[in-house]
Amino acid sequence: MAFHFDLILLLQQLINGISKGSVYALIALGYTMVYGIIELINFAHGDIFMLGSFTAISALELFGVNTKAPANETLKDPVVVVAVLFLSLVITMVAMGLLGVLVERVAYRPLRNAPKLAPLISAIGVSYILQNAGETWRGPSTVNFPAVFVEPLLQIPTLDPSRFLTIRSKSILILVVSLILMALLTQFVQRTKMGKAMRATALDRETATLMGINVNMTIALTFFIGASLAGAGGLLYGMFIRGVQFQLGFQAGLRAFTAAVLGGIGNIPGAMLGGFLIGLVEALSDNYLQSQWTQAVVFGVLILILVFRPSGLLGQRVAEKV
C-alpha cells in the first residue's frame, strides 16, 4: 500500500508542536537558569509549573470565569478574555515567583556549601511536598481549565473543500506570550545591572562576592524569574491541554528538563531551542506513531544528541572548576 503524504496534517501538527514547545521552553528556562548559576538540578521546578496551572485556574475563577462551563458558555468578548488572562498571568507569575524564592530560601540556601548530593535530595523532597500540596488543594482528579479562545482565528482552505488548515487564537496567543517573555528575559540578562550580576555569579560566585555583588539576592532573583516563567507556562499549558492534575509537573517537567539538556544546560537560547524541538518531536510522534512511543522517541533523540554532542546543541565545553 502506497504511503500517502498529507501536507495539511503535517502543517497542523507543526502548529500544535510549536505551541506546546513554547510552553516547554518557558519551563526549561527555569531549569537552565538555576543550573547555570548554582549548578543545581531543581527537581521541584516542574511542580511549581503544576501549581502555576492551579493558581491560574483560581485566578480565573476569581474574575468570574466558570471552569466547569462548556466551551460555548465561556467569555466571548476577545478584549475581556485578553484582559482577564493578562491579570491571571500576572497573579500566577508573581505567586509562583514568590514560591520559588521561598523554596530557595528554605530548602537550598542552607545546603549551598554542602556536598552536591544533599541539595539534590532536598530538591526531590520539595518536589513531593509540592505534589502533595497540589493534590490537597485540587484533589487527585483532573481539573478542567476554562475553554478560552475556542473559535478558530483563521481557517485556510485547501484543495479538498471539506478540509481546512485551522489556526486557533489560543495557539497564536500562547506563542506570542512565550516569545515576549523569552525576549524580555534575554534583554534583562544581557542589558540590566542585575542581569550582569547573575552572569557574574554564574561564572564565579566567590569573585562576584568580592566585587560587591549580593550573591544571595542574585540567586533568589534567579529563582523568582525561573519560577515566574514556570507559572506562566502553567497558565499557557492549561489553555492548550485544558485538563490538569497534580502529577502534571513530573510529566511536563521531565520533558522541559530534557529540552534544557538538549539545547545545552545553562544556556538560555539553548533552552528555548530545546523546548521548541521537543514540542515538535512530541507532536509528530503522537500523530505518525502510536502515542505510547512518544516518550521513547523524545528521549531517543536526546540520547543521540548527547552521544554526538554531549554539551547539547548550543552548549559550550567549559573547563571544570577545581
C-alpha atoms as a PDB file:
ATOM      1  CA  MET A   1       0.000   0.000   0.000  1.00  0.00           C
ATOM      2  CA  ALA A   2       1.436   3.346  -1.059  1.00  0.00           C
ATOM      3  CA  PHE A   3       2.258   5.901   1.586  1.00  0.00           C
ATOM      4  CA  HIS A   4       0.040   8.984   1.348  1.00  0.00           C
ATOM      5  CA  PHE A   5       1.759  12.189   2.426  1.00  0.00           C
ATOM      6  CA  ASP A   6      -0.760  14.570   3.972  1.00  0.00           C
ATOM      7  CA  LEU A   7       0.727  18.085   3.901  1.00  0.00           C
ATOM      8  CA  ILE A   8      -2.229  19.669   5.717  1.00  0.00           C
ATOM      9  CA  LEU A   9      -1.988  17.187   8.565  1.00  0.00           C
ATOM     10  CA  LEU A  10       1.766  17.802   8.797  1.00  0.00           C
ATOM     11  CA  LEU A  11       1.290  21.577   8.965  1.00  0.00           C
ATOM     12  CA  GLN A  12      -1.398  21.156  11.618  1.00  0.00           C
ATOM     13  CA  GLN A  13       0.929  19.051  13.753  1.00  0.00           C
ATOM     14  CA  LEU A  14       3.735  21.587  13.320  1.00  0.00           C
ATOM     15  CA  ILE A  15       1.422  24.308  14.637  1.00  0.00           C
ATOM     16  CA  ASN A  16       0.496  22.133  17.629  1.00  0.00           C
ATOM     17  CA  GLY A  17       4.143  21.252  18.246  1.00  0.00           C
ATOM     18  CA  ILE A  18       5.275  24.878  18.214  1.00  0.00           C
ATOM     19  CA  SER A  19       2.506  25.839  20.665  1.00  0.00           C
ATOM     20  CA  LYS A  20       3.364  23.063  23.104  1.00  0.00           C
ATOM     21  CA  GLY A  21       7.096  23.573  22.561  1.00  0.00           C
ATOM     22  CA  SER A  22       6.859  27.231  23.545  1.00  0.00           C
ATOM     23  CA  VAL A  23       5.471  26.144  26.930  1.00  0.00           C
ATOM     24  CA  TYR A  24       8.269  23.589  27.361  1.00  0.00           C
ATOM     25  CA  ALA A  25      10.747  26.351  26.538  1.00  0.00           C
ATOM     26  CA  LEU A  26       9.388  28.548  29.342  1.00  0.00           C
ATOM     27  CA  ILE A  27       9.743  25.727  31.868  1.00  0.00           C
ATOM     28  CA  ALA A  28      13.183  24.775  30.532  1.00  0.00           C
ATOM     29  CA  LEU A  29      14.405  28.333  31.111  1.00  0.00           C
ATOM     30  CA  GLY A  30      13.886  27.882  34.848  1.00  0.00           C
ATOM     31  CA  TYR A  31      15.905  24.668  34.876  1.00  0.00           C
ATOM     32  CA  THR A  32      18.744  26.154  32.870  1.00  0.00           C
ATOM     33  CA  MET A  33      18.919  29.440  34.822  1.00  0.00           C
ATOM     34  CA  VAL A  34      19.138  27.725  38.207  1.00  0.00           C
ATOM     35  CA  TYR A  35      21.687  25.208  36.952  1.00  0.00           C
ATOM     36  CA  GLY A  36      23.742  27.935  35.309  1.00  0.00           C
ATOM     37  CA  ILE A  37      24.042  29.966  38.499  1.00  0.00           C
ATOM     38  CA  ILE A  38      24.350  27.330  41.272  1.00  0.00           C
ATOM     39  CA  GLU A  39      24.757  24.057  39.302  1.00  0.00           C
ATOM     40  CA  LEU A  40      21.636  22.519  40.842  1.00  0.00           C
ATOM     41  CA  ILE A  41      19.002  20.463  39.048  1.00  0.00           C
ATOM     42  CA  ASN A  42      15.856  21.847  40.661  1.00  0.00           C
ATOM     43  CA  PHE A  43      13.557  18.821  40.503  1.00  0.00           C
ATOM     44  CA  ALA A  44      10.816  20.832  42.230  1.00  0.00           C
ATOM     45  CA  HIS A  45      10.603  23.187  39.253  1.00  0.00           C
ATOM     46  CA  GLY A  46       8.103  21.028  37.371  1.00  0.00           C
ATOM     47  CA  ASP A  47       5.808  21.005  40.395  1.00  0.00           C
ATOM     48  CA  ILE A  48       5.931  24.797  40.591  1.00  0.00           C
ATOM     49  CA  PHE A  49       4.704  24.683  36.987  1.00  0.00           C
ATOM     50  CA  MET A  50       1.854  22.402  38.110  1.00  0.00           C
ATOM     51  CA  LEU A  51       0.901  24.737  40.945  1.00  0.00           C
ATOM     52  CA  GLY A  52       1.032  27.564  38.407  1.00  0.00           C
ATOM     53  CA  SER A  53      -1.763  25.845  36.456  1.00  0.00           C
ATOM     54  CA  PHE A  54      -3.844  25.532  39.628  1.00  0.00           C
ATOM     55  CA  THR A  55      -3.141  29.151  40.581  1.00  0.00           C
ATOM     56  CA  ALA A  56      -4.201  30.315  37.114  1.00  0.00           C
ATOM     57  CA  ILE A  57      -7.482  28.407  37.442  1.00  0.00           C
ATOM     58  CA  SER A  58      -8.111  30.021  40.843  1.00  0.00           C
ATOM     59  CA  ALA A  59      -7.296  33.457  39.415  1.00  0.00           C
ATOM     60  CA  LEU A  60      -9.729  32.930  36.540  1.00  0.00           C
ATOM     61  CA  GLU A  61     -12.401  31.818  38.998  1.00  0.00           C
ATOM     62  CA  LEU A  62     -11.685  34.973  40.997  1.00  0.00           C
ATOM     63  CA  PHE A  63     -12.558  37.013  37.891  1.00  0.00           C
ATOM     64  CA  GLY A  64     -15.794  35.068  37.411  1.00  0.00           C
ATOM     65  CA  VAL A  65     -14.713  32.604  34.724  1.00  0.00           C
ATOM     66  CA  ASN A  66     -16.566  29.334  35.253  1.00  0.00           C
ATOM     67  CA  THR A  67     -14.106  26.467  34.753  1.00  0.00           C
ATOM     68  CA  LYS A  68     -16.963  23.928  34.559  1.00  0.00           C
ATOM     69  CA  ALA A  69     -18.911  25.699  31.848  1.00  0.00           C
ATOM     70  CA  PRO A  70     -18.961  24.226  28.316  1.00  0.00           C
ATOM     71  CA  ALA A  71     -16.957  25.965  25.629  1.00  0.00           C
ATOM     72  CA  ASN A  72     -19.942  27.811  24.145  1.00  0.00           C
ATOM     73  CA  GLU A  73     -20.739  29.431  27.510  1.00  0.00           C
ATOM     74  CA  THR A  74     -17.320  30.935  28.228  1.00  0.00           C
ATOM     75  CA  LEU A  75     -16.292  34.551  27.719  1.00  0.00           C
ATOM     76  CA  LYS A  76     -16.923  35.628  24.144  1.00  0.00           C
ATOM     77  CA  ASP A  77     -15.573  39.193  24.023  1.00  0.00           C
ATOM     78  CA  PRO A  78     -11.904  38.906  22.943  1.00  0.00           C
ATOM     79  CA  VAL A  79     -10.968  42.129  24.759  1.00  0.00           C
ATOM     80  CA  VAL A  80     -12.417  40.873  28.041  1.00  0.00           C
ATOM     81  CA  VAL A  81     -10.757  37.480  27.556  1.00  0.00           C
ATOM     82  CA  VAL A  82      -7.340  39.069  26.967  1.00  0.00           C
ATOM     83  CA  ALA A  83      -7.738  41.378  29.986  1.00  0.00           C
ATOM     84  CA  VAL A  84      -8.755  38.505  32.280  1.00  0.00           C
ATOM     85  CA  LEU A  85      -5.949  36.283  31.008  1.00  0.00           C
ATOM     86  CA  PHE A  86      -3.384  39.072  31.424  1.00  0.00           C
ATOM     87  CA  LEU A  87      -4.394  39.734  35.038  1.00  0.00           C
ATOM     88  CA  SER A  88      -4.433  35.995  35.755  1.00  0.00           C
ATOM     89  CA  LEU A  89      -0.986  35.690  34.164  1.00  0.00           C
ATOM     90  CA  VAL A  90       0.425  38.464  36.370  1.00  0.00           C
ATOM     91  CA  ILE A  91      -1.077  36.957  39.532  1.00  0.00           C
ATOM     92  CA  THR A  92       0.222  33.488  38.648  1.00  0.00           C
ATOM     93  CA  MET A  93       3.728  34.669  37.794  1.00  0.00           C
ATOM     94  CA  VAL A  94       4.076  36.722  40.982  1.00  0.00           C
ATOM     95  CA  ALA A  95       2.691  33.930  43.184  1.00  0.00           C
ATOM     96  CA  MET A  96       4.938  31.270  41.673  1.00  0.00           C
ATOM     97  CA  GLY A  97       7.939  33.612  41.756  1.00  0.00           C
ATOM     98  CA  LEU A  98       7.470  34.111  45.497  1.00  0.00           C
ATOM     99  CA  LEU A  99       7.073  30.351  45.926  1.00  0.00           C
ATOM    100  CA  GLY A 100      10.361  29.828  44.073  1.00  0.00           C
ATOM    101  CA  VAL A 101      12.123  32.293  46.383  1.00  0.00           C
ATOM    102  CA  LEU A 102      10.653  30.517  49.426  1.00  0.00           C
ATOM    103  CA  VAL A 103      11.855  27.131  48.166  1.00  0.00           C
ATOM    104  CA  GLU A 104      15.356  28.506  47.577  1.00  0.00           C
ATOM    105  CA  ARG A 105      15.498  30.146  51.000  1.00  0.00           C
ATOM    106  CA  VAL A 106      14.227  27.147  52.976  1.00  0.00           C
ATOM    107  CA  ALA A 107      15.455  24.105  51.055  1.00  0.00           C
ATOM    108  CA  TYR A 108      18.544  25.136  49.058  1.00  0.00           C
ATOM    109  CA  ARG A 109      20.340  28.072  50.659  1.00  0.00           C
ATOM    110  CA  PRO A 110      21.257  26.241  53.906  1.00  0.00           C
ATOM    111  CA  LEU A 111      22.791  23.460  51.756  1.00  0.00           C
ATOM    112  CA  ARG A 112      24.687  25.707  49.361  1.00  0.00           C
ATOM    113  CA  ASN A 113      28.113  24.654  50.682  1.00  0.00           C
ATOM    114  CA  ALA A 114      27.116  21.045  51.377  1.00  0.00           C
ATOM    115  CA  PRO A 115      28.089  18.123  49.102  1.00  0.00           C
ATOM    116  CA  LYS A 116      26.148  18.265  45.829  1.00  0.00           C
ATOM    117  CA  LEU A 117      24.089  15.200  46.696  1.00  0.00           C
ATOM    118  CA  ALA A 118      22.438  16.986  49.662  1.00  0.00           C
ATOM    119  CA  PRO A 119      20.647  19.773  47.720  1.00  0.00           C
ATOM    120  CA  LEU A 120      19.729  17.250  45.031  1.00  0.00           C
ATOM    121  CA  ILE A 121      17.899  15.061  47.562  1.00  0.00           C
ATOM    122  CA  SER A 122      16.388  18.183  49.101  1.00  0.00           C
ATOM    123  CA  ALA A 123      15.019  19.118  45.668  1.00  0.00           C
ATOM    124  CA  ILE A 124      13.374  15.697  45.329  1.00  0.00           C
ATOM    125  CA  GLY A 125      11.829  16.132  48.777  1.00  0.00           C
ATOM    126  CA  VAL A 126      10.470  19.570  47.881  1.00  0.00           C
ATOM    127  CA  SER A 127       9.009  18.076  44.702  1.00  0.00           C
ATOM    128  CA  TYR A 128       6.984  15.548  46.687  1.00  0.00           C
ATOM    129  CA  ILE A 129       5.849  18.235  49.137  1.00  0.00           C
ATOM    130  CA  LEU A 130       4.575  20.425  46.292  1.00  0.00           C
ATOM    131  CA  GLN A 131       2.848  17.453  44.657  1.00  0.00           C
ATOM    132  CA  ASN A 132       1.042  16.673  47.897  1.00  0.00           C
ATOM    133  CA  ALA A 133       0.125  20.341  48.267  1.00  0.00           C
ATOM    134  CA  GLY A 134      -1.393  20.307  44.775  1.00  0.00           C
ATOM    135  CA  GLU A 135      -3.303  17.108  45.478  1.00  0.00           C
ATOM    136  CA  THR A 136      -4.659  18.511  48.747  1.00  0.00           C
ATOM    137  CA  TRP A 137      -5.607  21.781  47.063  1.00  0.00           C
ATOM    138  CA  ARG A 138      -7.384  20.488  43.951  1.00  0.00           C
ATOM    139  CA  GLY A 139      -7.779  16.773  44.606  1.00  0.00           C
ATOM    140  CA  PRO A 140      -6.430  13.756  42.721  1.00  0.00           C
ATOM    141  CA  SER A 141      -8.747  14.027  39.721  1.00  0.00           C
ATOM    142  CA  THR A 142      -8.254  16.140  36.607  1.00  0.00           C
ATOM    143  CA  VAL A 143      -9.283  19.794  36.831  1.00  0.00           C
ATOM    144  CA  ASN A 144     -10.581  21.420  33.656  1.00  0.00           C
ATOM    145  CA  PHE A 145      -9.073  24.700  32.553  1.00  0.00           C
ATOM    146  CA  PRO A 146     -11.761  27.061  31.175  1.00  0.00           C
ATOM    147  CA  ALA A 147     -12.134  26.993  27.412  1.00  0.00           C
ATOM    148  CA  VAL A 148     -10.975  30.419  26.233  1.00  0.00           C
ATOM    149  CA  PHE A 149     -10.436  31.498  22.657  1.00  0.00           C
ATOM    150  CA  VAL A 150     -12.202  28.414  21.338  1.00  0.00           C
ATOM    151  CA  GLU A 151     -13.080  29.903  17.974  1.00  0.00           C
ATOM    152  CA  PRO A 152     -10.547  29.471  15.144  1.00  0.00           C
ATOM    153  CA  LEU A 153      -8.630  32.628  14.339  1.00  0.00           C
ATOM    154  CA  LEU A 154      -8.027  31.559  10.767  1.00  0.00           C
ATOM    155  CA  GLN A 155      -9.146  28.684   8.564  1.00  0.00           C
ATOM    156  CA  ILE A 156      -7.101  28.324   5.378  1.00  0.00           C
ATOM    157  CA  PRO A 157      -8.918  26.457   2.606  1.00  0.00           C
ATOM    158  CA  THR A 158      -7.167  23.550   0.886  1.00  0.00           C
ATOM    159  CA  LEU A 159      -7.625  21.690  -2.390  1.00  0.00           C
ATOM    160  CA  ASP A 160     -10.028  19.412  -0.552  1.00  0.00           C
ATOM    161  CA  PRO A 161     -13.154  21.577   0.010  1.00  0.00           C
ATOM    162  CA  SER A 162     -14.082  19.581   3.114  1.00  0.00           C
ATOM    163  CA  ARG A 163     -10.808  20.325   4.914  1.00  0.00           C
ATOM    164  CA  PHE A 164      -9.160  23.426   6.348  1.00  0.00           C
ATOM    165  CA  LEU A 165      -5.833  24.252   7.954  1.00  0.00           C
ATOM    166  CA  THR A 166      -7.001  25.641  11.303  1.00  0.00           C
ATOM    167  CA  ILE A 167      -5.002  28.150  13.307  1.00  0.00           C
ATOM    168  CA  ARG A 168      -6.668  28.809  16.648  1.00  0.00           C
ATOM    169  CA  SER A 169      -6.494  32.059  18.567  1.00  0.00           C
ATOM    170  CA  LYS A 170      -5.133  30.344  21.667  1.00  0.00           C
ATOM    171  CA  SER A 171      -2.227  28.871  19.668  1.00  0.00           C
ATOM    172  CA  ILE A 172      -1.247  32.324  18.466  1.00  0.00           C
ATOM    173  CA  LEU A 173      -1.647  33.770  21.965  1.00  0.00           C
ATOM    174  CA  ILE A 174       0.473  31.024  23.564  1.00  0.00           C
ATOM    175  CA  LEU A 175       3.264  31.532  21.038  1.00  0.00           C
ATOM    176  CA  VAL A 176       3.201  35.334  21.243  1.00  0.00           C
ATOM    177  CA  VAL A 177       3.201  35.437  25.061  1.00  0.00           C
ATOM    178  CA  SER A 178       6.005  32.864  25.222  1.00  0.00           C
ATOM    179  CA  LEU A 179       8.169  34.745  22.727  1.00  0.00           C
ATOM    180  CA  ILE A 180       7.597  38.057  24.548  1.00  0.00           C
ATOM    181  CA  LEU A 181       8.621  36.530  27.889  1.00  0.00           C
ATOM    182  CA  MET A 182      11.699  34.911  26.350  1.00  0.00           C
ATOM    183  CA  ALA A 183      12.712  38.174  24.675  1.00  0.00           C
ATOM    184  CA  LEU A 184      12.254  40.119  27.928  1.00  0.00           C
ATOM    185  CA  LEU A 185      14.344  37.579  29.820  1.00  0.00           C
ATOM    186  CA  THR A 186      17.121  37.738  27.232  1.00  0.00           C
ATOM    187  CA  GLN A 187      17.200  41.537  27.364  1.00  0.00           C
ATOM    188  CA  PHE A 188      17.133  41.506  31.167  1.00  0.00           C
ATOM    189  CA  VAL A 189      20.066  39.122  31.451  1.00  0.00           C
ATOM    190  CA  GLN A 190      22.146  40.851  28.783  1.00  0.00           C
ATOM    191  CA  ARG A 191      21.467  44.537  29.429  1.00  0.00           C
ATOM    192  CA  THR A 192      20.499  45.180  33.055  1.00  0.00           C
ATOM    193  CA  LYS A 193      22.726  45.525  36.099  1.00  0.00           C
ATOM    194  CA  MET A 194      21.031  42.602  37.844  1.00  0.00           C
ATOM    195  CA  GLY A 195      21.402  40.524  34.709  1.00  0.00           C
ATOM    196  CA  LYS A 196      25.124  41.206  34.682  1.00  0.00           C
ATOM    197  CA  ALA A 197      25.248  40.259  38.370  1.00  0.00           C
ATOM    198  CA  MET A 198      23.545  36.952  37.528  1.00  0.00           C
ATOM    199  CA  ARG A 199      26.078  36.243  34.784  1.00  0.00           C
ATOM    200  CA  ALA A 200      28.977  37.148  37.082  1.00  0.00           C
ATOM    201  CA  THR A 201      27.634  34.902  39.845  1.00  0.00           C
ATOM    202  CA  ALA A 202      27.270  32.054  37.379  1.00  0.00           C
ATOM    203  CA  LEU A 203      30.911  32.423  36.301  1.00  0.00           C
ATOM    204  CA  ASP A 204      32.452  32.629  39.784  1.00  0.00           C
ATOM    205  CA  ARG A 205      30.401  33.058  42.939  1.00  0.00           C
ATOM    206  CA  GLU A 206      33.335  33.888  45.218  1.00  0.00           C
ATOM    207  CA  THR A 207      34.769  36.521  42.902  1.00  0.00           C
ATOM    208  CA  ALA A 208      31.310  38.052  42.445  1.00  0.00           C
ATOM    209  CA  THR A 209      31.029  38.384  46.225  1.00  0.00           C
ATOM    210  CA  LEU A 210      34.421  40.103  46.401  1.00  0.00           C
ATOM    211  CA  MET A 211      33.283  42.526  43.690  1.00  0.00           C
ATOM    212  CA  GLY A 212      30.379  43.640  45.891  1.00  0.00           C
ATOM    213  CA  ILE A 213      27.587  41.610  44.313  1.00  0.00           C
ATOM    214  CA  ASN A 214      24.874  40.441  46.713  1.00  0.00           C
ATOM    215  CA  VAL A 215      25.023  36.766  45.760  1.00  0.00           C
ATOM    216  CA  ASN A 216      22.107  35.707  47.964  1.00  0.00           C
ATOM    217  CA  MET A 217      19.806  38.291  46.416  1.00  0.00           C
ATOM    218  CA  THR A 218      21.021  37.412  42.920  1.00  0.00           C
ATOM    219  CA  ILE A 219      20.322  33.718  43.403  1.00  0.00           C
ATOM    220  CA  ALA A 220      16.912  34.492  44.932  1.00  0.00           C
ATOM    221  CA  LEU A 221      16.118  36.673  41.906  1.00  0.00           C
ATOM    222  CA  THR A 222      17.103  33.808  39.615  1.00  0.00           C
ATOM    223  CA  PHE A 223      14.671  31.506  41.394  1.00  0.00           C
ATOM    224  CA  PHE A 224      11.965  34.184  41.253  1.00  0.00           C
ATOM    225  CA  ILE A 225      12.340  34.639  37.497  1.00  0.00           C
ATOM    226  CA  GLY A 226      12.569  30.916  36.764  1.00  0.00           C
ATOM    227  CA  ALA A 227       9.515  30.103  38.892  1.00  0.00           C
ATOM    228  CA  SER A 228       7.584  33.034  37.358  1.00  0.00           C
ATOM    229  CA  LEU A 229       8.207  31.654  33.874  1.00  0.00           C
ATOM    230  CA  ALA A 230       7.087  28.209  35.058  1.00  0.00           C
ATOM    231  CA  GLY A 231       3.898  29.815  36.373  1.00  0.00           C
ATOM    232  CA  ALA A 232       3.305  31.484  33.011  1.00  0.00           C
ATOM    233  CA  GLY A 233       3.894  28.124  31.371  1.00  0.00           C
ATOM    234  CA  GLY A 234       1.306  26.577  33.690  1.00  0.00           C
ATOM    235  CA  LEU A 235      -1.356  29.024  32.527  1.00  0.00           C
ATOM    236  CA  LEU A 236      -0.477  28.614  28.847  1.00  0.00           C
ATOM    237  CA  TYR A 237      -0.303  24.824  29.112  1.00  0.00           C
ATOM    238  CA  GLY A 238      -3.737  24.790  30.745  1.00  0.00           C
ATOM    239  CA  MET A 239      -5.107  26.779  27.814  1.00  0.00           C
ATOM    240  CA  PHE A 240      -3.588  24.291  25.368  1.00  0.00           C
ATOM    241  CA  ILE A 241      -4.381  20.975  27.105  1.00  0.00           C
ATOM    242  CA  ARG A 242      -7.311  22.044  29.344  1.00  0.00           C
ATOM    243  CA  GLY A 243      -7.078  19.048  31.698  1.00  0.00           C
ATOM    244  CA  VAL A 244      -4.511  19.498  34.509  1.00  0.00           C
ATOM    245  CA  GLN A 245      -3.851  17.420  37.624  1.00  0.00           C
ATOM    246  CA  PHE A 246      -1.363  17.252  40.480  1.00  0.00           C
ATOM    247  CA  GLN A 247       1.072  14.897  38.693  1.00  0.00           C
ATOM    248  CA  LEU A 248       1.333  17.203  35.693  1.00  0.00           C
ATOM    249  CA  GLY A 249       4.589  18.702  36.959  1.00  0.00           C
ATOM    250  CA  PHE A 250       6.514  15.442  36.750  1.00  0.00           C
ATOM    251  CA  GLN A 251       5.496  14.725  33.160  1.00  0.00           C
ATOM    252  CA  ALA A 252       5.882  18.222  31.704  1.00  0.00           C
ATOM    253  CA  GLY A 253       8.883  18.994  33.912  1.00  0.00           C
ATOM    254  CA  LEU A 254      10.725  15.939  32.669  1.00  0.00           C
ATOM    255  CA  ARG A 255      10.196  16.984  29.067  1.00  0.00           C
ATOM    256  CA  ALA A 256      11.266  20.548  29.855  1.00  0.00           C
ATOM    257  CA  PHE A 257      14.383  19.293  31.606  1.00  0.00           C
ATOM    258  CA  THR A 258      15.100  17.174  28.525  1.00  0.00           C
ATOM    259  CA  ALA A 259      14.704  20.317  26.429  1.00  0.00           C
ATOM    260  CA  ALA A 260      17.180  22.194  28.626  1.00  0.00           C
ATOM    261  CA  VAL A 261      19.743  19.394  28.313  1.00  0.00           C
ATOM    262  CA  LEU A 262      19.090  19.068  24.583  1.00  0.00           C
ATOM    263  CA  GLY A 263      19.740  22.762  23.975  1.00  0.00           C
ATOM    264  CA  GLY A 264      22.675  22.907  26.394  1.00  0.00           C
ATOM    265  CA  ILE A 265      22.041  23.117  30.129  1.00  0.00           C
ATOM    266  CA  GLY A 266      22.889  26.577  31.461  1.00  0.00           C
ATOM    267  CA  ASN A 267      22.341  28.170  28.038  1.00  0.00           C
ATOM    268  CA  ILE A 268      19.235  30.379  27.748  1.00  0.00           C
ATOM    269  CA  PRO A 269      18.915  30.307  23.913  1.00  0.00           C
ATOM    270  CA  GLY A 270      19.586  26.568  24.074  1.00  0.00           C
ATOM    271  CA  ALA A 271      16.647  26.069  26.467  1.00  0.00           C
ATOM    272  CA  MET A 272      14.377  27.920  24.052  1.00  0.00           C
ATOM    273  CA  LEU A 273      15.569  25.887  21.070  1.00  0.00           C
ATOM    274  CA  GLY A 274      15.312  22.627  23.001  1.00  0.00           C
ATOM    275  CA  GLY A 275      11.762  23.414  24.089  1.00  0.00           C
ATOM    276  CA  PHE A 276      10.566  24.019  20.550  1.00  0.00           C
ATOM    277  CA  LEU A 277      12.315  20.885  19.286  1.00  0.00           C
ATOM    278  CA  ILE A 278      10.818  18.682  21.996  1.00  0.00           C
ATOM    279  CA  GLY A 279       7.354  20.084  21.266  1.00  0.00           C
ATOM    280  CA  LEU A 280       7.726  19.375  17.540  1.00  0.00           C
ATOM    281  CA  VAL A 281       9.084  15.866  18.092  1.00  0.00           C
ATOM    282  CA  GLU A 282       6.256  15.091  20.508  1.00  0.00           C
ATOM    283  CA  ALA A 283       3.537  16.367  18.160  1.00  0.00           C
ATOM    284  CA  LEU A 284       4.900  14.481  15.140  1.00  0.00           C
ATOM    285  CA  SER A 285       5.388  11.297  17.142  1.00  0.00           C
ATOM    286  CA  ASP A 286       1.846  11.459  18.556  1.00  0.00           C
ATOM    287  CA  ASN A 287       0.469  11.731  15.044  1.00  0.00           C
ATOM    288  CA  TYR A 288       2.679   9.466  12.942  1.00  0.00           C
ATOM    289  CA  LEU A 289       3.479   6.875  15.618  1.00  0.00           C
ATOM    290  CA  GLN A 290       1.377   5.491  18.433  1.00  0.00           C
ATOM    291  CA  SER A 291       1.315   7.942  21.341  1.00  0.00           C
ATOM    292  CA  GLN A 292       2.793   5.390  23.759  1.00  0.00           C
ATOM    293  CA  TRP A 293       6.028   5.574  21.738  1.00  0.00           C
ATOM    294  CA  THR A 294       6.333   9.359  22.082  1.00  0.00           C
ATOM    295  CA  GLN A 295       8.311   9.320  25.297  1.00  0.00           C
ATOM    296  CA  ALA A 296      10.746   6.776  23.862  1.00  0.00           C
ATOM    297  CA  VAL A 297      11.178   8.902  20.737  1.00  0.00           C
ATOM    298  CA  VAL A 298      11.790  12.095  22.742  1.00  0.00           C
ATOM    299  CA  PHE A 299      14.460  10.502  24.905  1.00  0.00           C
ATOM    300  CA  GLY A 300      15.896   8.646  21.919  1.00  0.00           C
ATOM    301  CA  VAL A 301      16.506  11.995  20.226  1.00  0.00           C
ATOM    302  CA  LEU A 302      18.109  13.281  23.428  1.00  0.00           C
ATOM    303  CA  ILE A 303      20.437  10.289  23.640  1.00  0.00           C
ATOM    304  CA  LEU A 304      21.522  10.702  20.026  1.00  0.00           C
ATOM    305  CA  ILE A 305      22.267  14.400  20.549  1.00  0.00           C
ATOM    306  CA  LEU A 306      24.243  13.769  23.734  1.00  0.00           C
ATOM    307  CA  VAL A 307      26.216  10.922  22.154  1.00  0.00           C
ATOM    308  CA  PHE A 308      27.430  13.137  19.329  1.00  0.00           C
ATOM    309  CA  ARG A 309      27.381  16.469  21.208  1.00  0.00           C
ATOM    310  CA  PRO A 310      27.476  15.946  24.994  1.00  0.00           C
ATOM    311  CA  SER A 311      27.240  19.676  25.742  1.00  0.00           C
ATOM    312  CA  GLY A 312      23.926  19.984  23.889  1.00  0.00           C
ATOM    313  CA  LEU A 313      23.083  21.781  20.660  1.00  0.00           C
ATOM    314  CA  LEU A 314      24.132  25.270  21.800  1.00  0.00           C
ATOM    315  CA  GLY A 315      26.169  24.376  24.875  1.00  0.00           C
ATOM    316  CA  GLN A 316      29.871  25.058  25.077  1.00  0.00           C
ATOM    317  CA  ARG A 317      32.542  22.877  26.592  1.00  0.00           C
ATOM    318  CA  VAL A 318      33.935  24.563  29.664  1.00  0.00           C
ATOM    319  CA  ALA A 319      36.828  23.667  31.890  1.00  0.00           C
ATOM    320  CA  GLU A 320      35.788  22.008  35.132  1.00  0.00           C
ATOM    321  CA  LYS A 321      36.221  24.222  38.209  1.00  0.00           C
ATOM    322  CA  VAL A 322      38.648  22.860  40.761  1.00  0.00           C
END
